[in-house]
Every structure is written in C-alpha cells, then in structure tokens.
Amino acid sequence: DEPFVIADRSRSANGQYANMYFTRLAKLRKEVLTQMRARWGALPQSKTLDVTEDAECVVLGTVYMDLKAKPSALEEYTRDPLAPPVPPPARYRGADKDRVFLEDEAGRLLL
C-alpha cells in the first residue's frame, strides 16, 4: 500500500477564501482606520489575539459566521453515493450552535 501523495506542493485546500478576505482588508485598512478614529477617537487598536476582557479597544477585521446548517461540500463528497441526498435546510442561519467571529491576520475572536 503506497501512501497518497499530492505531487504539486503549491496546491493547498487550507483557507479557501482567506487570502481574498485578507487582501480586501489590507486594501480597505486605511479608509476603515480613518472612520474608526472618527467614530471611537483614541481607543487603542488591537489584534484579535491581544484583546482582553478588561480593556476597551477596537479590532479591525472581517466578520466570519460559522453556520452549522450550511451544507458542507466535503461532507457531500465523502457521503455514501448510494445514500439518498440530504434535503437542504430551510435556513442556513439561526441554529443554536451558529457562531460569529471577527478575524484578522493574527487569529479569530468569538463575538
């Protein structure tokens, strides 16, 4: 039994859209910082990993929603092909286990 090897090392399934979101965040950073200062004044800006509960700060990032009812392409691909298809949920949002995060280059912060 030979191990499964992906020959092309440049291909990756990690962070599918992350690069696009971080590029957009980098392009908008200057304008958002200007608006942030106008709205919240001198509050310090922090990275997600530096936030503490005892200090007010502003974090610049992208909102990410972990929707438990959203279909997973990976799960559909790995399902038994003879099993009947799973009906789509009526709504993707609103499940009790849904979570909202703020993401920046450093990490993810649960809101």
Protein backbone atom coordinates (compact mmCIF):
# COMPACT_ATOMS: atom_id res chain seq x y z
CA ASP A 1 0.00 0.00 0.00
CA GLU A 2 1.56 3.22 -1.21
CA PRO A 3 0.72 6.42 0.69
CA PHE A 4 -1.38 9.04 -1.06
CA VAL A 5 0.86 11.92 -2.16
CA ILE A 6 -0.07 15.20 -3.82
CA ALA A 7 2.75 15.90 -6.26
CA ASP A 8 2.13 19.61 -6.70
CA ARG A 9 3.20 21.21 -3.40
CA SER A 10 1.87 24.63 -4.42
CA ARG A 11 -1.75 23.46 -4.18
CA SER A 12 -3.49 23.78 -0.84
CA ALA A 13 -7.03 23.30 0.43
CA ASN A 14 -6.38 25.46 3.50
CA GLY A 15 -8.03 28.87 3.89
CA GLN A 16 -10.09 28.69 0.72
CA TYR A 17 -11.20 32.31 0.73
CA ALA A 18 -8.93 33.67 3.46
CA ASN A 19 -6.44 35.21 1.03
CA MET A 20 -9.21 37.12 -0.76
CA TYR A 21 -10.63 38.44 2.54
CA PHE A 22 -7.21 39.46 3.89
CA THR A 23 -6.37 41.22 0.59
CA ARG A 24 -9.66 43.12 0.75
CA LEU A 25 -8.99 44.01 4.40
CA ALA A 26 -5.50 45.29 3.51
CA LYS A 27 -6.88 47.48 0.70
CA LEU A 28 -9.63 48.93 2.92
CA ARG A 29 -7.47 49.30 6.06
CA LYS A 30 -6.54 52.97 5.57
CA GLU A 31 -10.13 54.13 4.99
CA VAL A 32 -11.52 51.98 7.80
CA LEU A 33 -8.87 53.29 10.23
CA THR A 34 -9.86 56.87 9.34
CA GLN A 35 -13.54 56.11 10.01
CA MET A 36 -12.64 54.16 13.15
CA ARG A 37 -10.76 57.14 14.62
CA ALA A 38 -13.61 59.50 13.73
CA ARG A 39 -16.14 57.28 15.50
CA TRP A 40 -14.21 55.96 18.53
CA GLY A 41 -11.47 58.54 18.91
CA ALA A 42 -8.43 57.48 20.85
CA LEU A 43 -9.41 53.90 21.67
CA PRO A 44 -6.38 51.69 21.07
CA GLN A 45 -6.39 49.31 18.13
CA SER A 46 -5.62 45.67 18.95
CA LYS A 47 -5.14 42.41 17.09
CA THR A 48 -7.58 39.62 17.89
CA LEU A 49 -5.00 37.69 19.91
CA ASP A 50 -4.20 40.75 22.08
CA VAL A 51 -7.78 41.52 23.17
CA THR A 52 -8.51 41.26 26.89
CA GLU A 53 -11.86 41.46 28.66
CA ASP A 54 -10.75 44.25 31.00
CA ALA A 55 -9.79 46.89 28.40
CA GLU A 56 -11.74 48.65 25.65
CA CYS A 57 -10.18 48.55 22.20
CA VAL A 58 -11.02 48.48 18.52
CA VAL A 59 -10.25 45.45 16.34
CA LEU A 60 -10.10 45.77 12.56
CA GLY A 61 -11.07 42.54 10.84
CA THR A 62 -13.51 40.52 8.79
CA VAL A 63 -16.71 39.02 10.18
CA TYR A 64 -16.85 35.23 9.79
CA MET A 65 -20.00 33.23 10.51
CA ASP A 66 -19.79 29.54 11.38
CA LEU A 67 -23.24 28.36 10.23
CA LYS A 68 -23.93 24.82 11.41
CA ALA A 69 -26.86 24.31 9.00
CA LYS A 70 -24.84 25.35 5.93
CA PRO A 71 -24.15 22.36 3.68
CA SER A 72 -20.57 21.16 3.53
CA ALA A 73 -19.13 20.31 0.11
CA LEU A 74 -16.61 17.99 1.79
CA GLU A 75 -19.37 16.07 3.60
CA GLU A 76 -21.37 15.76 0.38
CA TYR A 77 -18.28 14.47 -1.44
CA THR A 78 -17.47 11.87 1.22
CA ARG A 79 -21.06 10.64 1.69
CA ASP A 80 -22.07 7.19 0.59
CA PRO A 81 -23.07 7.60 -3.08
CA LEU A 82 -25.97 5.15 -2.61
CA ALA A 83 -27.49 7.09 0.30
CA PRO A 84 -30.40 9.38 -0.52
CA PRO A 85 -29.49 13.08 -0.77
CA VAL A 86 -29.86 15.16 2.36
CA PRO A 87 -32.59 17.79 1.90
CA PRO A 88 -31.32 21.36 2.19
CA PRO A 89 -32.23 23.18 5.40
CA ALA A 90 -34.97 25.80 5.28
CA ARG A 91 -32.48 28.35 6.67
CA TYR A 92 -28.70 28.38 6.98
CA ARG A 93 -28.74 30.89 9.83
CA GLY A 94 -30.38 30.84 13.21
CA ALA A 95 -29.29 27.49 14.60
CA ASP A 96 -28.44 27.49 18.29
CA LYS A 97 -24.87 26.44 17.52
CA ASP A 98 -24.12 29.20 14.97
CA ARG A 99 -21.17 31.36 15.97
CA VAL A 100 -19.95 34.77 14.78
CA PHE A 101 -16.24 35.60 14.77
CA LEU A 102 -14.07 38.61 13.97
CA GLU A 103 -10.98 37.53 12.06
CA ASP A 104 -7.74 39.39 11.36
CA GLU A 105 -4.24 38.38 10.30
CA ALA A 106 -3.47 37.16 13.83
CA GLY A 107 -6.48 35.00 14.61
CA ARG A 108 -10.18 34.72 15.26
CA LEU A 109 -12.19 36.26 18.09
CA LEU A 110 -15.59 34.84 19.11
CA LEU A 111 -18.16 37.63 19.31
